[in-house]
Amino acid sequence: MMTYEELLRAWKAEREAPGLSRLEEDFYRRAAELIGRLRARLRMPDTGARRTRRASVELENVEKMVKDIFERRLEKAVGALMSGEGLELDKLTPEEREIFSSLEAAFASSRRFLEGILRGEVRGPAEGGRPGPTGRAEGPKMMLIRILAEVPAIVGADMRTHGPFKPGDVAFIPTENALALVRKGLAAEVEVA
């Protein structure tokens, strides 16, 4: 059973470590249980106003710390992958290994694509530039958009990282992702004549 103090120590360790800190294999399961216990405490009918406020603040802090730990670890993993380093699998939880393995594959595909370009090979952007049976690269349909607001880097439907983007940038990204940005008012479709 995870305690608030244990979570606080893990959060501080992750903030201070330049790379991934080591988490227990069941860290996220235990964090979810802690959040569940705090939510249950808030639903108790005989809890006084002071106890309810304290439990509410504690729950808010726990949720912020768990989110911050996960996001920092994701940023560190993406940074390691972008620099060509492998992931420190022994420091990942089973959930992170599952999530980050698709990112690792996407970065490997991106590196293969770039290496092909640097060798002077003309390949399509999808699937890391691997040609399909027709000799042309296969993958998700792409759309040209103009960015209207700050957009952080996203992992597209093609499993490649796109962005981050600034207003005025023009990007050629998977249609599925482009339409989502257009619907949110963050981008506009560019019509090609």
N, C-alpha and C. Protein backbone atom coordinates (compact mmCIF):
# COMPACT_ATOMS: atom_id res chain seq x y z
N MET A 1 0.85 -1.18 0.00
CA MET A 1 0.00 0.00 0.00
C MET A 1 0.90 1.24 0.00
N MET A 2 0.72 2.08 -1.00
CA MET A 2 1.54 3.29 -1.12
C MET A 2 1.03 4.36 -0.16
N THR A 3 1.98 5.11 0.39
CA THR A 3 1.63 6.24 1.25
C THR A 3 1.93 7.54 0.52
N TYR A 4 1.39 8.62 1.04
CA TYR A 4 1.63 9.94 0.48
C TYR A 4 3.13 10.25 0.52
N GLU A 5 3.77 9.90 1.63
CA GLU A 5 5.20 10.17 1.80
C GLU A 5 6.04 9.40 0.78
N GLU A 6 5.66 8.16 0.50
CA GLU A 6 6.39 7.35 -0.49
C GLU A 6 6.26 7.97 -1.89
N LEU A 7 5.06 8.41 -2.22
CA LEU A 7 4.85 9.07 -3.51
C LEU A 7 5.66 10.36 -3.59
N LEU A 8 5.68 11.11 -2.51
CA LEU A 8 6.45 12.35 -2.47
C LEU A 8 7.94 12.08 -2.71
N ARG A 9 8.47 11.02 -2.11
CA ARG A 9 9.88 10.66 -2.31
C ARG A 9 10.13 10.30 -3.78
N ALA A 10 9.22 9.54 -4.39
CA ALA A 10 9.37 9.15 -5.80
C ALA A 10 9.31 10.39 -6.70
N TRP A 11 8.43 11.31 -6.38
CA TRP A 11 8.29 12.54 -7.17
C TRP A 11 9.56 13.38 -7.09
N LYS A 12 10.10 13.54 -5.87
CA LYS A 12 11.33 14.31 -5.70
C LYS A 12 12.49 13.64 -6.43
N ALA A 13 12.59 12.33 -6.34
CA ALA A 13 13.67 11.59 -7.01
C ALA A 13 13.59 11.79 -8.52
N GLU A 14 12.38 11.75 -9.07
CA GLU A 14 12.22 11.91 -10.53
C GLU A 14 12.57 13.32 -10.95
N ARG A 15 12.21 14.30 -10.14
CA ARG A 15 12.53 15.70 -10.47
C ARG A 15 14.03 15.94 -10.44
N GLU A 16 14.74 15.30 -9.52
CA GLU A 16 16.16 15.57 -9.34
C GLU A 16 17.05 14.75 -10.27
N ALA A 17 16.57 13.61 -10.73
CA ALA A 17 17.39 12.73 -11.56
C ALA A 17 17.47 13.26 -12.99
N PRO A 18 18.68 13.32 -13.57
CA PRO A 18 18.78 13.76 -14.97
C PRO A 18 18.19 12.73 -15.93
N GLY A 19 18.30 11.46 -15.59
CA GLY A 19 17.70 10.39 -16.38
C GLY A 19 16.52 9.82 -15.61
N LEU A 20 16.06 8.67 -16.05
CA LEU A 20 14.95 8.03 -15.36
C LEU A 20 15.40 7.54 -13.98
N SER A 21 14.57 7.78 -12.98
CA SER A 21 14.83 7.21 -11.66
C SER A 21 14.22 5.80 -11.67
N ARG A 22 14.57 5.01 -10.69
CA ARG A 22 14.04 3.65 -10.64
C ARG A 22 12.73 3.65 -9.86
N LEU A 23 11.68 3.13 -10.48
CA LEU A 23 10.38 2.99 -9.82
C LEU A 23 10.12 1.51 -9.56
N GLU A 24 9.35 1.24 -8.53
CA GLU A 24 8.93 -0.14 -8.26
C GLU A 24 8.07 -0.62 -9.43
N GLU A 25 8.12 -1.92 -9.69
CA GLU A 25 7.35 -2.51 -10.81
C GLU A 25 5.86 -2.18 -10.71
N ASP A 26 5.33 -2.14 -9.49
CA ASP A 26 3.89 -1.93 -9.29
C ASP A 26 3.57 -0.48 -8.91
N PHE A 27 4.45 0.45 -9.25
CA PHE A 27 4.28 1.85 -8.85
C PHE A 27 2.93 2.42 -9.28
N TYR A 28 2.57 2.27 -10.55
CA TYR A 28 1.34 2.90 -11.05
C TYR A 28 0.09 2.23 -10.46
N ARG A 29 0.14 0.92 -10.27
CA ARG A 29 -1.00 0.23 -9.65
C ARG A 29 -1.20 0.75 -8.23
N ARG A 30 -0.10 0.87 -7.48
CA ARG A 30 -0.20 1.34 -6.11
C ARG A 30 -0.61 2.81 -6.05
N ALA A 31 -0.16 3.61 -7.01
CA ALA A 31 -0.57 5.02 -7.06
C ALA A 31 -2.07 5.12 -7.33
N ALA A 32 -2.57 4.27 -8.23
CA ALA A 32 -4.01 4.26 -8.53
C ALA A 32 -4.81 3.85 -7.29
N GLU A 33 -4.28 2.88 -6.53
CA GLU A 33 -4.97 2.46 -5.30
C GLU A 33 -4.99 3.60 -4.28
N LEU A 34 -3.89 4.34 -4.16
CA LEU A 34 -3.84 5.49 -3.25
C LEU A 34 -4.89 6.52 -3.65
N ILE A 35 -4.98 6.81 -4.92
CA ILE A 35 -5.99 7.77 -5.40
C ILE A 35 -7.39 7.24 -5.11
N GLY A 36 -7.61 5.96 -5.33
CA GLY A 36 -8.91 5.35 -5.04
C GLY A 36 -9.28 5.47 -3.56
N ARG A 37 -8.30 5.23 -2.67
CA ARG A 37 -8.57 5.36 -1.23
C ARG A 37 -8.92 6.80 -0.87
N LEU A 38 -8.20 7.76 -1.45
CA LEU A 38 -8.48 9.17 -1.14
C LEU A 38 -9.85 9.58 -1.67
N ARG A 39 -10.21 9.09 -2.83
CA ARG A 39 -11.55 9.40 -3.37
C ARG A 39 -12.64 8.79 -2.47
N ALA A 40 -12.40 7.57 -2.01
CA ALA A 40 -13.36 6.90 -1.13
C ALA A 40 -13.51 7.69 0.17
N ARG A 41 -12.40 8.21 0.69
CA ARG A 41 -12.46 8.99 1.93
C ARG A 41 -13.31 10.24 1.74
N LEU A 42 -13.26 10.83 0.54
CA LEU A 42 -14.07 12.02 0.27
C LEU A 42 -15.55 11.70 0.22
N ARG A 43 -15.88 10.47 -0.15
CA ARG A 43 -17.29 10.08 -0.26
C ARG A 43 -17.89 9.64 1.07
N MET A 44 -17.09 9.53 2.12
CA MET A 44 -17.59 9.08 3.42
C MET A 44 -18.55 10.11 3.99
N PRO A 45 -19.76 9.69 4.40
CA PRO A 45 -20.77 10.66 4.85
C PRO A 45 -20.46 11.32 6.19
N ASP A 46 -19.69 10.68 7.07
CA ASP A 46 -19.46 11.24 8.40
C ASP A 46 -18.20 12.08 8.50
N THR A 47 -17.63 12.42 7.39
CA THR A 47 -16.40 13.21 7.39
C THR A 47 -16.73 14.69 7.62
N GLY A 48 -16.03 15.30 8.57
CA GLY A 48 -16.25 16.72 8.86
C GLY A 48 -15.66 17.59 7.78
N ALA A 49 -15.99 18.87 7.82
CA ALA A 49 -15.54 19.83 6.79
C ALA A 49 -14.02 19.93 6.74
N ARG A 50 -13.38 19.95 7.90
CA ARG A 50 -11.92 20.07 7.94
C ARG A 50 -11.26 18.83 7.34
N ARG A 51 -11.78 17.65 7.69
CA ARG A 51 -11.21 16.40 7.15
C ARG A 51 -11.46 16.30 5.65
N THR A 52 -12.64 16.73 5.22
CA THR A 52 -12.97 16.70 3.79
C THR A 52 -12.03 17.61 3.02
N ARG A 53 -11.78 18.80 3.54
CA ARG A 53 -10.88 19.74 2.87
C ARG A 53 -9.46 19.18 2.80
N ARG A 54 -9.01 18.58 3.90
CA ARG A 54 -7.66 18.00 3.93
C ARG A 54 -7.55 16.86 2.92
N ALA A 55 -8.56 15.99 2.88
CA ALA A 55 -8.55 14.86 1.94
C ALA A 55 -8.59 15.37 0.50
N SER A 56 -9.35 16.43 0.27
CA SER A 56 -9.45 17.00 -1.07
C SER A 56 -8.10 17.56 -1.52
N VAL A 57 -7.42 18.28 -0.64
CA VAL A 57 -6.11 18.85 -0.97
C VAL A 57 -5.10 17.73 -1.18
N GLU A 58 -5.14 16.71 -0.33
CA GLU A 58 -4.22 15.58 -0.46
C GLU A 58 -4.44 14.86 -1.79
N LEU A 59 -5.70 14.65 -2.16
CA LEU A 59 -6.01 14.00 -3.44
C LEU A 59 -5.49 14.84 -4.60
N GLU A 60 -5.71 16.14 -4.55
CA GLU A 60 -5.24 17.03 -5.61
C GLU A 60 -3.72 16.96 -5.74
N ASN A 61 -3.01 16.96 -4.62
CA ASN A 61 -1.55 16.88 -4.64
C ASN A 61 -1.07 15.54 -5.18
N VAL A 62 -1.72 14.47 -4.78
CA VAL A 62 -1.34 13.13 -5.25
C VAL A 62 -1.52 13.04 -6.76
N GLU A 63 -2.66 13.52 -7.26
CA GLU A 63 -2.91 13.48 -8.70
C GLU A 63 -1.86 14.30 -9.46
N LYS A 64 -1.50 15.48 -8.94
CA LYS A 64 -0.49 16.32 -9.59
C LYS A 64 0.86 15.62 -9.61
N MET A 65 1.24 14.97 -8.49
CA MET A 65 2.53 14.31 -8.44
C MET A 65 2.59 13.12 -9.39
N VAL A 66 1.53 12.31 -9.44
CA VAL A 66 1.51 11.15 -10.34
C VAL A 66 1.60 11.61 -11.78
N LYS A 67 0.83 12.63 -12.11
CA LYS A 67 0.86 13.16 -13.48
C LYS A 67 2.25 13.71 -13.81
N ASP A 68 2.85 14.44 -12.88
CA ASP A 68 4.17 15.02 -13.12
C ASP A 68 5.22 13.92 -13.27
N ILE A 69 5.15 12.89 -12.45
CA ILE A 69 6.11 11.78 -12.56
C ILE A 69 6.00 11.15 -13.95
N PHE A 70 4.77 10.84 -14.37
CA PHE A 70 4.59 10.19 -15.67
C PHE A 70 5.08 11.08 -16.80
N GLU A 71 4.69 12.36 -16.79
CA GLU A 71 5.07 13.27 -17.87
C GLU A 71 6.58 13.50 -17.92
N ARG A 72 7.23 13.62 -16.76
CA ARG A 72 8.69 13.77 -16.74
C ARG A 72 9.36 12.53 -17.31
N ARG A 73 8.85 11.36 -16.95
CA ARG A 73 9.44 10.12 -17.43
C ARG A 73 9.24 9.99 -18.94
N LEU A 74 8.08 10.41 -19.43
CA LEU A 74 7.83 10.40 -20.86
C LEU A 74 8.79 11.35 -21.58
N GLU A 75 8.96 12.55 -21.04
CA GLU A 75 9.89 13.52 -21.64
C GLU A 75 11.31 12.96 -21.67
N LYS A 76 11.74 12.34 -20.58
CA LYS A 76 13.09 11.77 -20.52
C LYS A 76 13.24 10.64 -21.52
N ALA A 77 12.21 9.81 -21.66
CA ALA A 77 12.26 8.70 -22.62
C ALA A 77 12.33 9.23 -24.05
N VAL A 78 11.51 10.21 -24.36
CA VAL A 78 11.52 10.80 -25.71
C VAL A 78 12.87 11.46 -25.97
N GLY A 79 13.41 12.15 -24.98
CA GLY A 79 14.72 12.77 -25.14
C GLY A 79 15.80 11.75 -25.43
N ALA A 80 15.77 10.63 -24.71
CA ALA A 80 16.75 9.57 -24.93
C ALA A 80 16.59 8.98 -26.33
N LEU A 81 15.35 8.79 -26.77
CA LEU A 81 15.11 8.23 -28.10
C LEU A 81 15.53 9.21 -29.20
N MET A 82 15.27 10.49 -28.99
CA MET A 82 15.64 11.48 -30.00
C MET A 82 17.15 11.57 -30.15
N SER A 83 17.88 11.36 -29.07
CA SER A 83 19.33 11.45 -29.15
C SER A 83 19.96 10.13 -29.60
N GLY A 84 19.13 9.14 -29.86
CA GLY A 84 19.63 7.86 -30.36
C GLY A 84 20.01 6.88 -29.26
N GLU A 85 19.83 7.27 -28.01
CA GLU A 85 20.11 6.37 -26.91
C GLU A 85 18.94 5.40 -26.77
N GLY A 86 19.21 4.25 -26.26
CA GLY A 86 18.12 3.31 -25.97
C GLY A 86 17.48 3.66 -24.64
N LEU A 87 16.36 3.02 -24.39
CA LEU A 87 15.67 3.22 -23.11
C LEU A 87 16.31 2.33 -22.05
N GLU A 88 16.36 2.82 -20.83
CA GLU A 88 16.86 2.03 -19.71
C GLU A 88 15.71 1.14 -19.23
N LEU A 89 15.57 -0.02 -19.86
CA LEU A 89 14.43 -0.89 -19.60
C LEU A 89 14.32 -1.30 -18.14
N ASP A 90 15.45 -1.44 -17.46
CA ASP A 90 15.41 -1.85 -16.06
C ASP A 90 14.82 -0.79 -15.15
N LYS A 91 14.72 0.45 -15.63
CA LYS A 91 14.15 1.53 -14.83
C LYS A 91 12.68 1.80 -15.19
N LEU A 92 12.16 1.09 -16.19
CA LEU A 92 10.77 1.30 -16.61
C LEU A 92 9.85 0.32 -15.91
N THR A 93 8.64 0.77 -15.66
CA THR A 93 7.62 -0.14 -15.14
C THR A 93 7.07 -0.95 -16.31
N PRO A 94 6.38 -2.05 -16.06
CA PRO A 94 5.82 -2.83 -17.17
C PRO A 94 4.90 -1.99 -18.06
N GLU A 95 4.12 -1.10 -17.46
CA GLU A 95 3.22 -0.24 -18.25
C GLU A 95 4.02 0.69 -19.16
N GLU A 96 5.09 1.25 -18.61
CA GLU A 96 5.93 2.16 -19.41
C GLU A 96 6.63 1.40 -20.54
N ARG A 97 7.09 0.18 -20.25
CA ARG A 97 7.75 -0.60 -21.30
C ARG A 97 6.78 -0.82 -22.46
N GLU A 98 5.53 -1.10 -22.15
CA GLU A 98 4.52 -1.32 -23.19
C GLU A 98 4.25 -0.03 -23.97
N ILE A 99 4.07 1.07 -23.26
CA ILE A 99 3.77 2.35 -23.91
C ILE A 99 4.95 2.85 -24.73
N PHE A 100 6.14 2.83 -24.13
CA PHE A 100 7.31 3.41 -24.77
C PHE A 100 7.87 2.55 -25.89
N SER A 101 7.51 1.26 -25.94
CA SER A 101 8.04 0.41 -27.02
C SER A 101 7.54 0.91 -28.38
N SER A 102 6.30 1.40 -28.44
CA SER A 102 5.80 1.92 -29.72
C SER A 102 6.52 3.22 -30.08
N LEU A 103 6.87 4.02 -29.07
CA LEU A 103 7.64 5.23 -29.34
C LEU A 103 9.03 4.87 -29.85
N GLU A 104 9.63 3.85 -29.25
CA GLU A 104 10.96 3.43 -29.67
C GLU A 104 10.94 2.97 -31.13
N ALA A 105 9.89 2.23 -31.50
CA ALA A 105 9.75 1.77 -32.89
C ALA A 105 9.57 2.97 -33.83
N ALA A 106 8.79 3.96 -33.40
CA ALA A 106 8.58 5.15 -34.23
C ALA A 106 9.88 5.92 -34.44
N PHE A 107 10.67 6.06 -33.39
CA PHE A 107 11.94 6.77 -33.53
C PHE A 107 12.92 5.98 -34.40
N ALA A 108 12.91 4.66 -34.28
CA ALA A 108 13.78 3.85 -35.13
C ALA A 108 13.38 4.02 -36.60
N SER A 109 12.09 4.04 -36.86
CA SER A 109 11.59 4.24 -38.21
C SER A 109 11.99 5.63 -38.74
N SER A 110 11.90 6.64 -37.87
CA SER A 110 12.30 8.00 -38.27
C SER A 110 13.78 8.05 -38.60
N ARG A 111 14.60 7.38 -37.79
CA ARG A 111 16.04 7.38 -38.06
C ARG A 111 16.34 6.69 -39.39
N ARG A 112 15.65 5.58 -39.67
CA ARG A 112 15.85 4.88 -40.96
C ARG A 112 15.46 5.79 -42.12
N PHE A 113 14.37 6.51 -41.97
CA PHE A 113 13.93 7.43 -43.01
C PHE A 113 14.99 8.49 -43.26
N LEU A 114 15.47 9.12 -42.19
CA LEU A 114 16.49 10.15 -42.32
C LEU A 114 17.77 9.59 -42.91
N GLU A 115 18.19 8.42 -42.45
CA GLU A 115 19.40 7.80 -43.00
C GLU A 115 19.27 7.56 -44.49
N GLY A 116 18.09 7.15 -44.94
CA GLY A 116 17.84 6.96 -46.37
C GLY A 116 17.99 8.26 -47.13
N ILE A 117 17.42 9.32 -46.61
CA ILE A 117 17.53 10.64 -47.24
C ILE A 117 19.00 11.04 -47.32
N LEU A 118 19.73 10.84 -46.23
CA LEU A 118 21.13 11.24 -46.20
C LEU A 118 21.99 10.38 -47.13
N ARG A 119 21.51 9.19 -47.50
CA ARG A 119 22.20 8.37 -48.50
C ARG A 119 21.80 8.75 -49.92
N GLY A 120 20.85 9.69 -50.03
CA GLY A 120 20.39 10.14 -51.34
C GLY A 120 19.26 9.31 -51.89
N GLU A 121 18.61 8.52 -51.06
CA GLU A 121 17.49 7.69 -51.52
C GLU A 121 16.20 8.47 -51.36
N VAL A 122 15.38 8.44 -52.37
CA VAL A 122 14.09 9.13 -52.32
C VAL A 122 13.05 8.12 -51.86
N ARG A 123 12.51 8.37 -50.70
CA ARG A 123 11.48 7.49 -50.12
C ARG A 123 10.34 8.36 -49.60
N GLY A 124 9.18 7.76 -49.48
CA GLY A 124 8.04 8.48 -48.93
C GLY A 124 8.18 8.63 -47.43
N PRO A 125 7.46 9.57 -46.82
CA PRO A 125 7.60 9.83 -45.39
C PRO A 125 6.95 8.78 -44.49
N ALA A 126 5.98 8.05 -44.99
CA ALA A 126 5.25 7.11 -44.15
C ALA A 126 6.06 5.83 -43.94
N GLU A 127 5.78 5.17 -42.82
CA GLU A 127 6.40 3.88 -42.51
C GLU A 127 7.92 3.94 -42.56
N GLY A 128 8.50 5.06 -42.20
CA GLY A 128 9.95 5.18 -42.18
C GLY A 128 10.56 5.15 -43.56
N GLY A 129 9.72 5.38 -44.59
CA GLY A 129 10.24 5.43 -45.94
C GLY A 129 10.36 4.06 -46.60
N ARG A 130 9.79 3.02 -46.00
CA ARG A 130 9.89 1.71 -46.62
C ARG A 130 8.91 1.62 -47.78
N PRO A 131 9.38 1.27 -48.96
CA PRO A 131 8.49 1.19 -50.11
C PRO A 131 7.56 -0.01 -50.00
N GLY A 132 6.34 0.18 -50.48
CA GLY A 132 5.38 -0.92 -50.51
C GLY A 132 5.51 -1.69 -51.82
N PRO A 133 4.55 -2.59 -52.11
CA PRO A 133 4.65 -3.41 -53.30
C PRO A 133 4.65 -2.60 -54.60
N THR A 134 4.11 -1.40 -54.57
CA THR A 134 4.07 -0.57 -55.78
C THR A 134 5.36 0.22 -55.96
N GLY A 135 6.27 0.11 -54.97
CA GLY A 135 7.51 0.88 -55.03
C GLY A 135 7.37 2.23 -54.37
N ARG A 136 6.16 2.58 -53.97
CA ARG A 136 5.93 3.85 -53.29
C ARG A 136 5.69 3.56 -51.82
N ALA A 137 6.06 4.48 -50.97
CA ALA A 137 5.87 4.27 -49.54
C ALA A 137 4.39 4.21 -49.22
N GLU A 138 4.04 3.29 -48.34
CA GLU A 138 2.65 3.15 -47.94
C GLU A 138 2.50 3.63 -46.51
N GLY A 139 1.31 4.03 -46.15
CA GLY A 139 1.06 4.48 -44.79
C GLY A 139 -0.21 5.31 -44.76
N PRO A 140 -0.44 5.99 -43.65
CA PRO A 140 -1.66 6.79 -43.54
C PRO A 140 -1.65 7.95 -44.52
N LYS A 141 -2.85 8.38 -44.93
CA LYS A 141 -2.97 9.54 -45.82
C LYS A 141 -2.48 10.76 -45.05
N MET A 142 -1.89 11.68 -45.80
CA MET A 142 -1.31 12.87 -45.19
C MET A 142 -2.07 14.12 -45.62
N MET A 143 -1.98 15.17 -44.81
CA MET A 143 -2.69 16.42 -45.09
C MET A 143 -1.75 17.59 -44.78
N LEU A 144 -1.81 18.61 -45.62
CA LEU A 144 -1.03 19.82 -45.41
C LEU A 144 -1.88 20.80 -44.61
N ILE A 145 -1.32 21.29 -43.50
CA ILE A 145 -2.05 22.24 -42.65
C ILE A 145 -1.14 23.42 -42.29
N ARG A 146 -1.80 24.52 -41.93
CA ARG A 146 -1.10 25.70 -41.41
C ARG A 146 -1.46 25.80 -39.94
N ILE A 147 -0.46 25.92 -39.09
CA ILE A 147 -0.66 25.95 -37.64
C ILE A 147 -1.09 27.35 -37.23
N LEU A 148 -2.13 27.43 -36.38
CA LEU A 148 -2.69 28.72 -35.94
C LEU A 148 -2.31 29.09 -34.51
N ALA A 149 -1.85 28.09 -33.72
CA ALA A 149 -1.51 28.33 -32.31
C ALA A 149 -0.38 27.40 -31.92
N GLU A 150 0.22 27.64 -30.76
CA GLU A 150 1.28 26.77 -30.26
C GLU A 150 0.71 25.36 -30.10
N VAL A 151 1.41 24.36 -30.64
CA VAL A 151 1.00 22.96 -30.52
C VAL A 151 2.24 22.16 -30.12
N PRO A 152 2.17 21.43 -28.99
CA PRO A 152 3.32 20.63 -28.59
C PRO A 152 3.53 19.47 -29.57
N ALA A 153 4.67 18.82 -29.47
CA ALA A 153 4.96 17.66 -30.33
C ALA A 153 3.91 16.59 -30.09
N ILE A 154 3.50 15.92 -31.16
CA ILE A 154 2.52 14.84 -31.07
C ILE A 154 3.08 13.61 -31.76
N VAL A 155 2.62 12.45 -31.32
CA VAL A 155 2.95 11.21 -32.03
C VAL A 155 1.77 10.96 -32.95
N GLY A 156 2.02 10.99 -34.24
CA GLY A 156 0.95 10.89 -35.23
C GLY A 156 0.46 9.48 -35.44
N ALA A 157 -0.57 9.34 -36.25
CA ALA A 157 -1.13 8.04 -36.59
C ALA A 157 -0.10 7.18 -37.31
N ASP A 158 0.93 7.81 -37.86
CA ASP A 158 2.01 7.09 -38.52
C ASP A 158 3.11 6.69 -37.53
N MET A 159 2.86 6.94 -36.22
CA MET A 159 3.78 6.61 -35.14
C MET A 159 5.08 7.41 -35.23
N ARG A 160 5.05 8.55 -35.89
CA ARG A 160 6.20 9.45 -35.95
C ARG A 160 5.89 10.68 -35.13
N THR A 161 6.92 11.32 -34.62
CA THR A 161 6.74 12.55 -33.86
C THR A 161 6.64 13.72 -34.83
N HIS A 162 5.64 14.56 -34.63
CA HIS A 162 5.43 15.74 -35.46
C HIS A 162 5.40 16.95 -34.52
N GLY A 163 6.17 17.99 -34.86
CA GLY A 163 6.18 19.19 -34.05
C GLY A 163 7.36 19.19 -33.09
N PRO A 164 7.34 20.11 -32.15
CA PRO A 164 6.29 21.07 -31.82
C PRO A 164 6.13 22.12 -32.91
N PHE A 165 4.96 22.78 -32.90
CA PHE A 165 4.64 23.76 -33.93
C PHE A 165 4.39 25.12 -33.32
N LYS A 166 4.68 26.15 -34.10
CA LYS A 166 4.41 27.54 -33.72
C LYS A 166 3.40 28.11 -34.73
N PRO A 167 2.66 29.15 -34.35
CA PRO A 167 1.74 29.76 -35.31
C PRO A 167 2.46 30.15 -36.59
N GLY A 168 1.85 29.81 -37.73
CA GLY A 168 2.43 30.12 -39.02
C GLY A 168 3.17 28.95 -39.64
N ASP A 169 3.53 27.95 -38.84
CA ASP A 169 4.21 26.77 -39.39
C ASP A 169 3.28 26.05 -40.35
N VAL A 170 3.86 25.41 -41.35
CA VAL A 170 3.12 24.56 -42.27
C VAL A 170 3.62 23.15 -42.06
N ALA A 171 2.71 22.19 -41.94
CA ALA A 171 3.10 20.82 -41.65
C ALA A 171 2.34 19.84 -42.54
N PHE A 172 3.01 18.75 -42.87
CA PHE A 172 2.43 17.66 -43.65
C PHE A 172 2.36 16.47 -42.70
N ILE A 173 1.17 16.25 -42.11
CA ILE A 173 1.02 15.22 -41.08
C ILE A 173 -0.15 14.30 -41.44
N PRO A 174 -0.28 13.16 -40.76
CA PRO A 174 -1.38 12.25 -41.05
C PRO A 174 -2.74 12.96 -40.97
N THR A 175 -3.60 12.64 -41.92
CA THR A 175 -4.91 13.29 -42.01
C THR A 175 -5.69 13.20 -40.69
N GLU A 176 -5.64 12.04 -40.05
CA GLU A 176 -6.35 11.85 -38.78
C GLU A 176 -5.93 12.90 -37.75
N ASN A 177 -4.63 13.14 -37.63
CA ASN A 177 -4.12 14.11 -36.68
C ASN A 177 -4.40 15.53 -37.15
N ALA A 178 -4.27 15.77 -38.45
CA ALA A 178 -4.52 17.10 -39.00
C ALA A 178 -5.97 17.52 -38.76
N LEU A 179 -6.90 16.60 -39.01
CA LEU A 179 -8.32 16.94 -38.81
C LEU A 179 -8.62 17.22 -37.34
N ALA A 180 -7.96 16.50 -36.43
CA ALA A 180 -8.17 16.75 -34.99
C ALA A 180 -7.69 18.16 -34.64
N LEU A 181 -6.55 18.58 -35.19
CA LEU A 181 -6.05 19.93 -34.91
C LEU A 181 -6.96 21.00 -35.52
N VAL A 182 -7.49 20.72 -36.71
CA VAL A 182 -8.41 21.66 -37.36
C VAL A 182 -9.69 21.80 -36.53
N ARG A 183 -10.24 20.66 -36.07
CA ARG A 183 -11.47 20.69 -35.25
C ARG A 183 -11.27 21.49 -33.96
N LYS A 184 -10.07 21.44 -33.40
CA LYS A 184 -9.77 22.16 -32.16
C LYS A 184 -9.43 23.63 -32.41
N GLY A 185 -9.38 24.03 -33.68
CA GLY A 185 -9.07 25.41 -34.01
C GLY A 185 -7.59 25.74 -33.91
N LEU A 186 -6.75 24.71 -33.88
CA LEU A 186 -5.31 24.91 -33.76
C LEU A 186 -4.62 24.95 -35.11
N ALA A 187 -5.33 24.56 -36.17
CA ALA A 187 -4.74 24.53 -37.52
C ALA A 187 -5.83 24.74 -38.55
N ALA A 188 -5.39 25.06 -39.78
CA ALA A 188 -6.31 25.19 -40.90
C ALA A 188 -5.75 24.39 -42.07
N GLU A 189 -6.65 23.76 -42.81
CA GLU A 189 -6.21 22.97 -43.96
C GLU A 189 -5.68 23.90 -45.05
N VAL A 190 -4.59 23.49 -45.68
CA VAL A 190 -4.03 24.25 -46.79
C VAL A 190 -4.47 23.58 -48.08
N GLU A 191 -5.19 24.33 -48.89
CA GLU A 191 -5.66 23.81 -50.17
C GLU A 191 -4.53 23.91 -51.18
N VAL A 192 -4.22 22.80 -51.81
CA VAL A 192 -3.16 22.78 -52.84
C VAL A 192 -3.85 22.77 -54.19
N ALA A 193 -3.54 23.77 -55.02
CA ALA A 193 -4.20 23.88 -56.32
C ALA A 193 -3.62 22.93 -57.32
